[in-house]
């Protein structure tokens, strides 16, 4: 892939995933612009490429700002969203609902400005919740816009992401813009914040929390997917999908929260403390893992990082970039703020 001379916009580009994507696009030779309101992103995430990119700060729900952000752009990666971990999306459904307005403003202004390709960062939360109580890998066809009852998304955040996919399909159908959606499954890695499961668990271990708090019984599973693999899927989708098809970006493995806790303490070479399983906390669906057949077929994509490899990168980053005493003193607020 060669992006030399391509003008690329990354909305939400100062965020966790967005900043990693920006770095990769710069490596590929793209001329990158970031648009972000910095409500959860941080320009510090872009320090490695700050002198090579353009950063616009503003609210993409406002047409004037979105128009300016998409002007002169060839490709858009739309990652901007109001979101957080499970606690956030459970407690702030109205905030998450505003993503529907955000997505449509970005798509409309992009098309008006002649953008050629749009890739939308969707979510595994688009999948029906009732089929995630037992272990069955989620395939893209388990969501349908054509069948009665073909959708049953996970909370307001999931419905907003699903409507974002449908809106992008509509813009493709009406205006012919090349489009793709990538359903991201439980991403983790450096620069993620403590409202998400793996970073929250690392922070608790780093701070020496005892008893160690785990939401739920810890046997709920997710397919934790390292950020570099997510970025690769986004870039490939933008390159190879034109008809608004959605693809999964996740691993096919079921990894329990208890397994993650064990792996964290093993890597940090610490004795695991007493565990307090907090069964009154929101935990979402029981089991979630991705069927990656379509991504393999259309993108030639498969995840490269194992949990052990990804955790090593993430734990090393967290320890190097955080002060133990500060994390200990601010742990509760870190776990609940975006």
C-alpha atoms as a PDB file:
ATOM      1  CA  UNK A   1       0.000   0.000   0.000  1.00  0.00           C
ATOM      2  CA  UNK A   2       1.196   3.446  -0.911  1.00  0.00           C
ATOM      3  CA  UNK A   3      -0.561   6.595   0.259  1.00  0.00           C
ATOM      4  CA  UNK A   4       1.985   9.049  -1.187  1.00  0.00           C
ATOM      5  CA  UNK A   5       0.205  12.309  -1.952  1.00  0.00           C
ATOM      6  CA  UNK A   6      -3.179  11.136  -0.626  1.00  0.00           C
ATOM      7  CA  UNK A   7      -4.913  13.657   1.608  1.00  0.00           C
ATOM      8  CA  UNK A   8      -6.410  11.698   4.497  1.00  0.00           C
ATOM      9  CA  UNK A   9      -8.692  12.825   7.320  1.00  0.00           C
ATOM     10  CA  UNK A  10      -8.863  10.849  10.561  1.00  0.00           C
ATOM     11  CA  UNK A  11     -11.760  11.982  12.736  1.00  0.00           C
ATOM     12  CA  UNK A  12     -11.070  11.226  16.360  1.00  0.00           C
ATOM     13  CA  UNK A  13      -7.430  11.009  15.372  1.00  0.00           C
ATOM     14  CA  UNK A  14      -6.119  12.055  18.793  1.00  0.00           C
ATOM     15  CA  UNK A  15      -7.812   9.078  20.409  1.00  0.00           C
ATOM     16  CA  UNK A  16      -6.361   5.717  21.351  1.00  0.00           C
ATOM     17  CA  UNK A  17      -7.019   3.861  18.080  1.00  0.00           C
ATOM     18  CA  UNK A  18      -7.036   7.041  16.012  1.00  0.00           C
ATOM     19  CA  UNK A  19      -3.521   8.061  17.003  1.00  0.00           C
ATOM     20  CA  UNK A  20      -2.104   4.646  16.109  1.00  0.00           C
ATOM     21  CA  UNK A  21      -3.897   4.862  12.751  1.00  0.00           C
ATOM     22  CA  UNK A  22      -2.475   8.344  12.120  1.00  0.00           C
ATOM     23  CA  UNK A  23       1.051   7.086  12.755  1.00  0.00           C
ATOM     24  CA  UNK A  24       0.546   4.225  10.313  1.00  0.00           C
ATOM     25  CA  UNK A  25      -0.849   6.512   7.612  1.00  0.00           C
ATOM     26  CA  UNK A  26       2.127   8.844   7.989  1.00  0.00           C
ATOM     27  CA  UNK A  27       4.417   5.828   7.555  1.00  0.00           C
ATOM     28  CA  UNK A  28       2.548   5.031   4.336  1.00  0.00           C
ATOM     29  CA  UNK A  29       3.199   8.522   2.984  1.00  0.00           C
ATOM     30  CA  UNK A  30      -0.217  10.099   3.510  1.00  0.00           C
ATOM     31  CA  UNK A  31      -0.795  13.800   4.071  1.00  0.00           C
ATOM     32  CA  UNK A  32      -2.832  13.482   7.280  1.00  0.00           C
ATOM     33  CA  UNK A  33      -5.323  15.834   8.894  1.00  0.00           C
ATOM     34  CA  UNK A  34      -6.819  15.082  12.309  1.00  0.00           C
ATOM     35  CA  UNK A  35     -10.190  16.442  13.429  1.00  0.00           C
ATOM     36  CA  UNK A  36     -10.977  15.943  17.113  1.00  0.00           C
ATOM     37  CA  UNK A  37     -12.825  17.790  19.868  1.00  0.00           C
ATOM     38  CA  UNK A  38     -10.334  16.374  22.409  1.00  0.00           C
ATOM     39  CA  UNK A  39     -13.136  15.360  24.772  1.00  0.00           C
ATOM     40  CA  UNK A  40     -11.398  12.027  25.252  1.00  0.00           C
ATOM     41  CA  UNK A  41      -8.475  12.291  22.834  1.00  0.00           C
ATOM     42  CA  UNK A  42      -5.191  13.995  23.599  1.00  0.00           C
ATOM     43  CA  UNK A  43      -2.773  15.661  21.204  1.00  0.00           C
ATOM     44  CA  UNK A  44      -0.006  14.100  23.293  1.00  0.00           C
ATOM     45  CA  UNK A  45      -0.957  10.806  21.657  1.00  0.00           C
ATOM     46  CA  UNK A  46       0.278  12.304  18.379  1.00  0.00           C
ATOM     47  CA  UNK A  47       3.639  13.502  19.680  1.00  0.00           C
ATOM     48  CA  UNK A  48       5.629  11.172  17.412  1.00  0.00           C
ATOM     49  CA  UNK A  49       4.120  12.688  14.242  1.00  0.00           C
ATOM     50  CA  UNK A  50       2.965  16.119  15.440  1.00  0.00           C
ATOM     51  CA  UNK A  51       5.215  18.021  13.033  1.00  0.00           C
ATOM     52  CA  UNK A  52       4.053  15.951  10.047  1.00  0.00           C
ATOM     53  CA  UNK A  53       0.273  16.327  10.381  1.00  0.00           C
ATOM     54  CA  UNK A  54      -2.433  18.983  10.603  1.00  0.00           C
ATOM     55  CA  UNK A  55      -4.687  19.063  13.687  1.00  0.00           C
ATOM     56  CA  UNK A  56      -8.092  20.761  13.728  1.00  0.00           C
ATOM     57  CA  UNK A  57      -9.908  21.040  17.062  1.00  0.00           C
ATOM     58  CA  UNK A  58     -13.686  21.274  16.973  1.00  0.00           C
ATOM     59  CA  UNK A  59     -17.058  19.568  17.129  1.00  0.00           C
ATOM     60  CA  UNK A  60     -17.850  17.464  14.069  1.00  0.00           C
ATOM     61  CA  UNK A  61     -21.572  17.672  14.784  1.00  0.00           C
ATOM     62  CA  UNK A  62     -21.300  21.280  13.567  1.00  0.00           C
ATOM     63  CA  UNK A  63     -21.587  21.539   9.780  1.00  0.00           C
ATOM     64  CA  UNK A  64     -19.133  24.410   9.452  1.00  0.00           C
ATOM     65  CA  UNK A  65     -16.376  22.539  11.254  1.00  0.00           C
ATOM     66  CA  UNK A  66     -17.084  19.241   9.493  1.00  0.00           C
ATOM     67  CA  UNK A  67     -17.075  21.020   6.143  1.00  0.00           C
ATOM     68  CA  UNK A  68     -13.690  22.568   6.883  1.00  0.00           C
ATOM     69  CA  UNK A  69     -12.328  19.244   8.127  1.00  0.00           C
ATOM     70  CA  UNK A  70     -13.344  17.329   4.986  1.00  0.00           C
ATOM     71  CA  UNK A  71     -12.371  20.021   2.482  1.00  0.00           C
ATOM     72  CA  UNK A  72      -9.640  18.924   0.079  1.00  0.00           C
ATOM     73  CA  UNK A  73      -9.606  15.356   1.427  1.00  0.00           C
ATOM     74  CA  UNK A  74      -9.342  12.153  -0.627  1.00  0.00           C
ATOM     75  CA  UNK A  75      -9.978   9.540   2.085  1.00  0.00           C
ATOM     76  CA  UNK A  76     -11.789   9.690   5.424  1.00  0.00           C
ATOM     77  CA  UNK A  77     -11.344   7.333   8.356  1.00  0.00           C
ATOM     78  CA  UNK A  78     -14.263   8.176  10.641  1.00  0.00           C
ATOM     79  CA  UNK A  79     -13.404   7.162  14.213  1.00  0.00           C
ATOM     80  CA  UNK A  80     -14.827  10.123  16.156  1.00  0.00           C
ATOM     81  CA  UNK A  81     -17.554   9.088  18.596  1.00  0.00           C
ATOM     82  CA  UNK A  82     -18.882   9.681  22.077  1.00  0.00           C
ATOM     83  CA  UNK A  83     -18.009   6.422  23.787  1.00  0.00           C
ATOM     84  CA  UNK A  84     -16.240   4.767  26.671  1.00  0.00           C
ATOM     85  CA  UNK A  85     -16.060   1.431  28.414  1.00  0.00           C
ATOM     86  CA  UNK A  86     -19.013  -0.681  29.542  1.00  0.00           C
ATOM     87  CA  UNK A  87     -19.762   1.554  32.498  1.00  0.00           C
ATOM     88  CA  UNK A  88     -19.834   4.649  30.288  1.00  0.00           C
ATOM     89  CA  UNK A  89     -22.114   3.301  27.577  1.00  0.00           C
ATOM     90  CA  UNK A  90     -24.461   1.876  30.214  1.00  0.00           C
ATOM     91  CA  UNK A  91     -24.702   5.130  32.166  1.00  0.00           C
ATOM     92  CA  UNK A  92     -24.675   7.695  29.334  1.00  0.00           C
ATOM     93  CA  UNK A  93     -27.022   6.427  26.600  1.00  0.00           C
ATOM     94  CA  UNK A  94     -28.065   9.921  25.486  1.00  0.00           C
ATOM     95  CA  UNK A  95     -24.417  10.885  24.956  1.00  0.00           C
ATOM     96  CA  UNK A  96     -23.937   7.780  22.825  1.00  0.00           C
ATOM     97  CA  UNK A  97     -27.094   8.565  20.845  1.00  0.00           C
ATOM     98  CA  UNK A  98     -25.525  11.798  19.583  1.00  0.00           C
ATOM     99  CA  UNK A  99     -23.192   9.666  17.473  1.00  0.00           C
ATOM    100  CA  UNK A 100     -26.013   9.253  14.945  1.00  0.00           C
ATOM    101  CA  UNK A 101     -25.988  12.987  14.254  1.00  0.00           C
ATOM    102  CA  UNK A 102     -22.194  13.086  14.219  1.00  0.00           C
ATOM    103  CA  UNK A 103     -21.897  10.290  11.660  1.00  0.00           C
ATOM    104  CA  UNK A 104     -24.377  11.809   9.247  1.00  0.00           C
ATOM    105  CA  UNK A 105     -22.771  15.242   9.365  1.00  0.00           C
ATOM    106  CA  UNK A 106     -19.354  13.733   8.617  1.00  0.00           C
ATOM    107  CA  UNK A 107     -20.700  11.605   5.754  1.00  0.00           C
ATOM    108  CA  UNK A 108     -22.712  14.445   4.232  1.00  0.00           C
ATOM    109  CA  UNK A 109     -19.924  17.005   4.302  1.00  0.00           C
ATOM    110  CA  UNK A 110     -17.415  14.444   3.029  1.00  0.00           C
ATOM    111  CA  UNK A 111     -19.599  13.674   0.015  1.00  0.00           C
ATOM    112  CA  UNK A 112     -20.238  17.364  -0.643  1.00  0.00           C
ATOM    113  CA  UNK A 113     -16.484  17.955  -0.645  1.00  0.00           C
ATOM    114  CA  UNK A 114     -15.812  15.145  -3.110  1.00  0.00           C
ATOM    115  CA  UNK A 115     -14.167  12.644  -0.756  1.00  0.00           C
ATOM    116  CA  UNK A 116     -13.500   9.417  -2.660  1.00  0.00           C
ATOM    117  CA  UNK A 117     -13.366   6.837   0.147  1.00  0.00           C
ATOM    118  CA  UNK A 118     -14.906   6.638   3.631  1.00  0.00           C
ATOM    119  CA  UNK A 119     -14.101   3.974   6.208  1.00  0.00           C
ATOM    120  CA  UNK A 120     -16.294   3.902   9.300  1.00  0.00           C
ATOM    121  CA  UNK A 121     -15.111   2.543  12.646  1.00  0.00           C
ATOM    122  CA  UNK A 122     -18.086   0.454  13.714  1.00  0.00           C
ATOM    123  CA  UNK A 123     -18.298  -1.899  16.668  1.00  0.00           C
ATOM    124  CA  UNK A 124     -19.040  -5.438  17.763  1.00  0.00           C
ATOM    125  CA  UNK A 125     -21.865  -3.813  19.737  1.00  0.00           C
ATOM    126  CA  UNK A 126     -23.966  -3.895  16.543  1.00  0.00           C
ATOM    127  CA  UNK A 127     -24.535  -7.638  17.049  1.00  0.00           C
ATOM    128  CA  UNK A 128     -27.704  -8.985  18.690  1.00  0.00           C
ATOM    129  CA  UNK A 129     -27.184  -9.390  22.397  1.00  0.00           C
ATOM    130  CA  UNK A 130     -29.354 -12.490  22.766  1.00  0.00           C
ATOM    131  CA  UNK A 131     -27.019 -14.619  20.637  1.00  0.00           C
ATOM    132  CA  UNK A 132     -24.033 -13.776  22.837  1.00  0.00           C
ATOM    133  CA  UNK A 133     -25.013 -15.736  25.915  1.00  0.00           C
ATOM    134  CA  UNK A 134     -23.489 -18.918  24.526  1.00  0.00           C
ATOM    135  CA  UNK A 135     -20.220 -19.337  22.645  1.00  0.00           C
ATOM    136  CA  UNK A 136     -20.812 -18.769  18.941  1.00  0.00           C
ATOM    137  CA  UNK A 137     -18.538 -16.630  16.819  1.00  0.00           C
ATOM    138  CA  UNK A 138     -20.210 -13.573  15.400  1.00  0.00           C
ATOM    139  CA  UNK A 139     -20.447 -13.418  11.612  1.00  0.00           C
ATOM    140  CA  UNK A 140     -21.353 -10.267   9.721  1.00  0.00           C
ATOM    141  CA  UNK A 141     -24.543 -11.838   8.329  1.00  0.00           C
ATOM    142  CA  UNK A 142     -25.955 -12.095  11.849  1.00  0.00           C
ATOM    143  CA  UNK A 143     -26.978  -8.460  11.355  1.00  0.00           C
ATOM    144  CA  UNK A 144     -29.419  -7.724   8.538  1.00  0.00           C
ATOM    145  CA  UNK A 145     -31.036  -4.537   7.277  1.00  0.00           C
ATOM    146  CA  UNK A 146     -33.234  -6.527   4.904  1.00  0.00           C
ATOM    147  CA  UNK A 147     -35.046  -8.936   7.228  1.00  0.00           C
ATOM    148  CA  UNK A 148     -37.733  -8.166   9.779  1.00  0.00           C
ATOM    149  CA  UNK A 149     -36.135  -8.440  13.207  1.00  0.00           C
ATOM    150  CA  UNK A 150     -32.668  -8.542  11.676  1.00  0.00           C
ATOM    151  CA  UNK A 151     -31.083  -6.303  14.303  1.00  0.00           C
ATOM    152  CA  UNK A 152     -30.921  -6.216  18.087  1.00  0.00           C
ATOM    153  CA  UNK A 153     -27.893  -4.135  18.985  1.00  0.00           C
ATOM    154  CA  UNK A 154     -26.068  -3.801  22.308  1.00  0.00           C
ATOM    155  CA  UNK A 155     -27.366  -0.718  24.154  1.00  0.00           C
ATOM    156  CA  UNK A 156     -27.755   2.730  22.602  1.00  0.00           C
ATOM    157  CA  UNK A 157     -24.104   2.818  21.602  1.00  0.00           C
ATOM    158  CA  UNK A 158     -24.542  -0.337  19.509  1.00  0.00           C
ATOM    159  CA  UNK A 159     -27.700   0.976  17.846  1.00  0.00           C
ATOM    160  CA  UNK A 160     -25.923   4.226  16.971  1.00  0.00           C
ATOM    161  CA  UNK A 161     -23.040   2.310  15.394  1.00  0.00           C
ATOM    162  CA  UNK A 162     -25.477   0.165  13.436  1.00  0.00           C
ATOM    163  CA  UNK A 163     -27.275   3.254  12.157  1.00  0.00           C
ATOM    164  CA  UNK A 164     -23.883   4.680  11.185  1.00  0.00           C
ATOM    165  CA  UNK A 165     -23.281   1.625   9.018  1.00  0.00           C
ATOM    166  CA  UNK A 166     -26.722   1.957   7.426  1.00  0.00           C
ATOM    167  CA  UNK A 167     -26.240   5.668   6.786  1.00  0.00           C
ATOM    168  CA  UNK A 168     -22.904   5.043   5.112  1.00  0.00           C
ATOM    169  CA  UNK A 169     -24.526   2.417   2.898  1.00  0.00           C
ATOM    170  CA  UNK A 170     -27.132   5.001   1.905  1.00  0.00           C
ATOM    171  CA  UNK A 171     -24.486   7.558   0.960  1.00  0.00           C
ATOM    172  CA  UNK A 172     -22.733   4.894  -1.101  1.00  0.00           C
ATOM    173  CA  UNK A 173     -25.984   3.946  -2.857  1.00  0.00           C
ATOM    174  CA  UNK A 174     -27.032   7.530  -3.607  1.00  0.00           C
ATOM    175  CA  UNK A 175     -23.702   9.202  -4.320  1.00  0.00           C
ATOM    176  CA  UNK A 176     -21.379   6.353  -5.301  1.00  0.00           C
ATOM    177  CA  UNK A 177     -18.738   7.135  -2.683  1.00  0.00           C
ATOM    178  CA  UNK A 178     -16.486   4.159  -1.927  1.00  0.00           C
ATOM    179  CA  UNK A 179     -17.312   3.000   1.586  1.00  0.00           C
ATOM    180  CA  UNK A 180     -16.475   0.361   4.173  1.00  0.00           C
ATOM    181  CA  UNK A 181     -17.256  -0.373   7.820  1.00  0.00           C
ATOM    182  CA  UNK A 182     -14.968  -2.185  10.229  1.00  0.00           C
ATOM    183  CA  UNK A 183     -16.614  -3.757  13.272  1.00  0.00           C
ATOM    184  CA  UNK A 184     -14.007  -3.386  15.998  1.00  0.00           C
ATOM    185  CA  UNK A 185     -13.959  -6.017  18.732  1.00  0.00           C
ATOM    186  CA  UNK A 186     -12.629  -5.049  22.180  1.00  0.00           C
ATOM    187  CA  UNK A 187      -9.480  -3.221  21.135  1.00  0.00           C
ATOM    188  CA  UNK A 188      -6.698  -2.632  23.640  1.00  0.00           C
ATOM    189  CA  UNK A 189      -3.140  -1.358  23.667  1.00  0.00           C
ATOM    190  CA  UNK A 190      -0.963   1.644  24.526  1.00  0.00           C
ATOM    191  CA  UNK A 191      -2.788   4.989  24.922  1.00  0.00           C
ATOM    192  CA  UNK A 192      -6.087   3.378  25.897  1.00  0.00           C
ATOM    193  CA  UNK A 193      -7.605   4.750  29.105  1.00  0.00           C
ATOM    194  CA  UNK A 194      -8.679   3.098  32.306  1.00  0.00           C
ATOM    195  CA  UNK A 195     -12.407   2.993  31.511  1.00  0.00           C
ATOM    196  CA  UNK A 196     -11.749  -0.039  29.293  1.00  0.00           C
ATOM    197  CA  UNK A 197     -11.294  -3.513  30.691  1.00  0.00           C
ATOM    198  CA  UNK A 198      -7.654  -4.402  30.068  1.00  0.00           C
ATOM    199  CA  UNK A 199      -6.239  -1.000  31.004  1.00  0.00           C
ATOM    200  CA  UNK A 200      -8.491  -0.924  34.069  1.00  0.00           C
ATOM    201  CA  UNK A 201      -7.130  -4.287  35.197  1.00  0.00           C
ATOM    202  CA  UNK A 202      -3.538  -3.208  34.542  1.00  0.00           C
ATOM    203  CA  UNK A 203      -4.121   0.025  36.494  1.00  0.00           C
ATOM    204  CA  UNK A 204      -5.541  -1.866  39.478  1.00  0.00           C
ATOM    205  CA  UNK A 205      -2.560  -4.222  39.509  1.00  0.00           C
ATOM    206  CA  UNK A 206      -0.103  -1.340  39.118  1.00  0.00           C
ATOM    207  CA  UNK A 207      -1.762   0.525  42.009  1.00  0.00           C
ATOM    208  CA  UNK A 208      -1.709  -2.564  44.225  1.00  0.00           C
ATOM    209  CA  UNK A 209      -5.480  -2.687  44.694  1.00  0.00           C
ATOM    210  CA  UNK A 210      -6.454  -5.255  47.314  1.00  0.00           C
ATOM    211  CA  UNK A 211      -8.824  -6.938  47.246  1.00  0.00           C
ATOM    212  CA  UNK A 212      -8.549  -6.808  43.486  1.00  0.00           C
ATOM    213  CA  UNK A 213     -11.894  -5.831  41.958  1.00  0.00           C
ATOM    214  CA  UNK A 214     -13.277  -7.691  38.937  1.00  0.00           C
ATOM    215  CA  UNK A 215     -16.647  -6.757  37.501  1.00  0.00           C
ATOM    216  CA  UNK A 216     -18.936  -9.786  37.284  1.00  0.00           C
ATOM    217  CA  UNK A 217     -17.791 -13.316  38.009  1.00  0.00           C
ATOM    218  CA  UNK A 218     -14.885 -12.912  35.600  1.00  0.00           C
ATOM    219  CA  UNK A 219     -15.994 -15.782  33.395  1.00  0.00           C
ATOM    220  CA  UNK A 220     -17.496 -13.447  30.793  1.00  0.00           C
ATOM    221  CA  UNK A 221     -15.351 -13.613  27.644  1.00  0.00           C
ATOM    222  CA  UNK A 222     -14.184 -11.154  24.995  1.00  0.00           C
ATOM    223  CA  UNK A 223     -11.893 -11.405  22.004  1.00  0.00           C
ATOM    224  CA  UNK A 224      -9.340  -8.827  23.065  1.00  0.00           C
ATOM    225  CA  UNK A 225      -7.698  -7.501  19.897  1.00  0.00           C
ATOM    226  CA  UNK A 226      -4.431  -5.578  19.884  1.00  0.00           C
ATOM    227  CA  UNK A 227      -4.559  -2.090  18.411  1.00  0.00           C
ATOM    228  CA  UNK A 228      -1.969  -2.720  15.667  1.00  0.00           C
ATOM    229  CA  UNK A 229      -4.209  -5.447  14.244  1.00  0.00           C
ATOM    230  CA  UNK A 230      -7.214  -3.096  14.322  1.00  0.00           C
ATOM    231  CA  UNK A 231      -5.262  -0.406  12.464  1.00  0.00           C
ATOM    232  CA  UNK A 232      -4.213  -2.866   9.790  1.00  0.00           C
ATOM    233  CA  UNK A 233      -7.837  -3.893   9.239  1.00  0.00           C
ATOM    234  CA  UNK A 234      -8.950  -0.253   8.891  1.00  0.00           C
ATOM    235  CA  UNK A 235      -6.258   0.534   6.322  1.00  0.00           C
ATOM    236  CA  UNK A 236      -6.990  -2.598   4.303  1.00  0.00           C
ATOM    237  CA  UNK A 237     -10.735  -1.956   4.324  1.00  0.00           C
ATOM    238  CA  UNK A 238     -10.246   1.561   3.010  1.00  0.00           C
ATOM    239  CA  UNK A 239      -8.035   0.179   0.260  1.00  0.00           C
ATOM    240  CA  UNK A 240      -9.996  -2.912  -0.790  1.00  0.00           C
ATOM    241  CA  UNK A 241     -13.712  -2.477  -0.011  1.00  0.00           C
ATOM    242  CA  UNK A 242     -15.813  -0.051  -2.026  1.00  0.00           C
ATOM    243  CA  UNK A 243     -19.456  -1.163  -1.583  1.00  0.00           C
ATOM    244  CA  UNK A 244     -20.002  -0.350   2.129  1.00  0.00           C
ATOM    245  CA  UNK A 245     -19.584  -3.965   3.176  1.00  0.00           C
ATOM    246  CA  UNK A 246     -18.899  -4.425   6.890  1.00  0.00           C
ATOM    247  CA  UNK A 247     -16.089  -6.658   8.144  1.00  0.00           C
ATOM    248  CA  UNK A 248     -15.098  -7.872  11.587  1.00  0.00           C
ATOM    249  CA  UNK A 249     -11.766  -6.922  13.119  1.00  0.00           C
ATOM    250  CA  UNK A 250     -11.289  -9.174  16.102  1.00  0.00           C
ATOM    251  CA  UNK A 251      -9.752 -12.424  17.210  1.00  0.00           C
ATOM    252  CA  UNK A 252     -11.712 -15.700  17.162  1.00  0.00           C
ATOM    253  CA  UNK A 253     -10.660 -16.643  20.715  1.00  0.00           C
ATOM    254  CA  UNK A 254     -12.826 -16.518  23.832  1.00  0.00           C
ATOM    255  CA  UNK A 255     -10.713 -14.968  26.598  1.00  0.00           C
ATOM    256  CA  UNK A 256     -12.226 -14.620  30.060  1.00  0.00           C
ATOM    257  CA  UNK A 257     -11.599 -11.663  32.329  1.00  0.00           C
ATOM    258  CA  UNK A 258     -10.170 -14.093  34.874  1.00  0.00           C
ATOM    259  CA  UNK A 259      -7.686 -15.304  32.237  1.00  0.00           C
ATOM    260  CA  UNK A 260      -6.610 -11.704  31.594  1.00  0.00           C
ATOM    261  CA  UNK A 261      -6.130 -11.086  35.326  1.00  0.00           C
ATOM    262  CA  UNK A 262      -3.929 -14.173  35.602  1.00  0.00           C
ATOM    263  CA  UNK A 263      -1.862 -13.114  32.576  1.00  0.00           C
ATOM    264  CA  UNK A 264      -1.366  -9.571  33.908  1.00  0.00           C
ATOM    265  CA  UNK A 265      -0.082 -10.707  37.298  1.00  0.00           C
ATOM    266  CA  UNK A 266       2.127 -13.315  35.674  1.00  0.00           C
ATOM    267  CA  UNK A 267       3.742 -10.767  33.327  1.00  0.00           C
ATOM    268  CA  UNK A 268       4.159  -8.234  36.136  1.00  0.00           C
ATOM    269  CA  UNK A 269       5.688 -10.980  38.273  1.00  0.00           C
ATOM    270  CA  UNK A 270       3.326 -10.261  41.147  1.00  0.00           C
ATOM    271  CA  UNK A 271       1.429 -12.600  43.431  1.00  0.00           C
ATOM    272  CA  UNK A 272      -2.261 -12.409  42.632  1.00  0.00           C
ATOM    273  CA  UNK A 273      -4.176 -10.886  45.568  1.00  0.00           C
ATOM    274  CA  UNK A 274      -7.611 -11.798  46.842  1.00  0.00           C
ATOM    275  CA  UNK A 275     -10.196 -11.240  44.107  1.00  0.00           C
ATOM    276  CA  UNK A 276     -13.490  -9.458  44.792  1.00  0.00           C
ATOM    277  CA  UNK A 277     -15.918 -10.410  42.020  1.00  0.00           C
ATOM    278  CA  UNK A 278     -18.424  -7.536  41.873  1.00  0.00           C
ATOM    279  CA  UNK A 279     -21.523  -9.155  40.431  1.00  0.00           C
ATOM    280  CA  UNK A 280     -23.602  -5.976  40.743  1.00  0.00           C
ATOM    281  CA  UNK A 281     -21.564  -4.163  38.072  1.00  0.00           C
ATOM    282  CA  UNK A 282     -22.524  -3.943  34.365  1.00  0.00           C
ATOM    283  CA  UNK A 283     -20.647  -6.516  32.305  1.00  0.00           C
ATOM    284  CA  UNK A 284     -22.479  -6.590  28.962  1.00  0.00           C
ATOM    285  CA  UNK A 285     -22.968  -9.803  27.018  1.00  0.00           C
ATOM    286  CA  UNK A 286     -21.715 -13.125  28.344  1.00  0.00           C
ATOM    287  CA  UNK A 287     -19.517 -14.230  25.437  1.00  0.00           C
ATOM    288  CA  UNK A 288     -18.137 -12.452  22.375  1.00  0.00           C
ATOM    289  CA  UNK A 289     -15.690 -13.571  19.676  1.00  0.00           C
ATOM    290  CA  UNK A 290     -15.379 -12.786  15.981  1.00  0.00           C
ATOM    291  CA  UNK A 291     -15.727 -14.913  12.909  1.00  0.00           C
ATOM    292  CA  UNK A 292     -12.956 -13.468  10.730  1.00  0.00           C
ATOM    293  CA  UNK A 293     -13.736 -15.376   7.518  1.00  0.00           C
ATOM    294  CA  UNK A 294     -14.935 -12.315   5.612  1.00  0.00           C
ATOM    295  CA  UNK A 295     -11.924 -10.224   6.649  1.00  0.00           C
ATOM    296  CA  UNK A 296      -9.628 -13.036   5.537  1.00  0.00           C
ATOM    297  CA  UNK A 297     -11.420 -13.331   2.184  1.00  0.00           C
ATOM    298  CA  UNK A 298     -11.835  -9.628   1.359  1.00  0.00           C
ATOM    299  CA  UNK A 299      -8.811  -8.100   3.066  1.00  0.00           C
ATOM    300  CA  UNK A 300      -6.325 -10.906   3.486  1.00  0.00           C
ATOM    301  CA  UNK A 301      -6.407  -9.905   7.158  1.00  0.00           C
ATOM    302  CA  UNK A 302      -5.778 -12.044  10.201  1.00  0.00           C
ATOM    303  CA  UNK A 303      -4.805 -10.855  13.698  1.00  0.00           C
ATOM    304  CA  UNK A 304      -1.097 -11.197  14.358  1.00  0.00           C
ATOM    305  CA  UNK A 305      -0.839 -10.478  18.096  1.00  0.00           C
ATOM    306  CA  UNK A 306      -1.569 -13.060  20.784  1.00  0.00           C
ATOM    307  CA  UNK A 307      -2.925 -11.907  24.137  1.00  0.00           C
ATOM    308  CA  UNK A 308       0.473 -12.480  25.762  1.00  0.00           C
ATOM    309  CA  UNK A 309       2.256 -10.367  23.140  1.00  0.00           C
ATOM    310  CA  UNK A 310      -0.292  -7.569  23.242  1.00  0.00           C
ATOM    311  CA  UNK A 311      -0.384  -7.488  27.030  1.00  0.00           C
ATOM    312  CA  UNK A 312       3.403  -7.237  27.188  1.00  0.00           C
ATOM    313  CA  UNK A 313       3.385  -4.153  24.926  1.00  0.00           C
ATOM    314  CA  UNK A 314       0.506  -2.600  26.846  1.00  0.00           C
ATOM    315  CA  UNK A 315       1.788  -3.249  30.365  1.00  0.00           C
ATOM    316  CA  UNK A 316       5.260  -1.954  29.486  1.00  0.00           C
ATOM    317  CA  UNK A 317       3.724   1.241  28.085  1.00  0.00           C
ATOM    318  CA  UNK A 318       1.493   1.718  31.136  1.00  0.00           C
ATOM    319  CA  UNK A 319       4.313   1.290  33.634  1.00  0.00           C
ATOM    320  CA  UNK A 320       6.635   3.570  31.663  1.00  0.00           C
ATOM    321  CA  UNK A 321       4.074   6.361  31.255  1.00  0.00           C
ATOM    322  CA  UNK A 322       2.348   6.412  34.660  1.00  0.00           C
ATOM    323  CA  UNK A 323       3.344   7.204  38.228  1.00  0.00           C
ATOM    324  CA  UNK A 324       2.337   4.496  40.674  1.00  0.00           C
ATOM    325  CA  UNK A 325       1.358   6.889  43.475  1.00  0.00           C
ATOM    326  CA  UNK A 326      -0.732   9.056  41.141  1.00  0.00           C
ATOM    327  CA  UNK A 327      -2.609   6.046  39.781  1.00  0.00           C
ATOM    328  CA  UNK A 328      -3.237   4.797  43.326  1.00  0.00           C
ATOM    329  CA  UNK A 329      -4.587   8.163  44.498  1.00  0.00           C
ATOM    330  CA  UNK A 330      -6.800   8.713  41.445  1.00  0.00           C
ATOM    331  CA  UNK A 331      -7.788   5.143  40.640  1.00  0.00           C
ATOM    332  CA  UNK A 332     -11.548   5.497  41.185  1.00  0.00           C
ATOM    333  CA  UNK A 333     -11.863   8.588  39.002  1.00  0.00           C
ATOM    334  CA  UNK A 334      -9.630   7.052  36.316  1.00  0.00           C
ATOM    335  CA  UNK A 335     -11.864   3.992  36.109  1.00  0.00           C
ATOM    336  CA  UNK A 336     -15.038   6.020  35.525  1.00  0.00           C
ATOM    337  CA  UNK A 337     -14.065   9.098  33.496  1.00  0.00           C
ATOM    338  CA  UNK A 338     -13.674   9.140  29.700  1.00  0.00           C
END
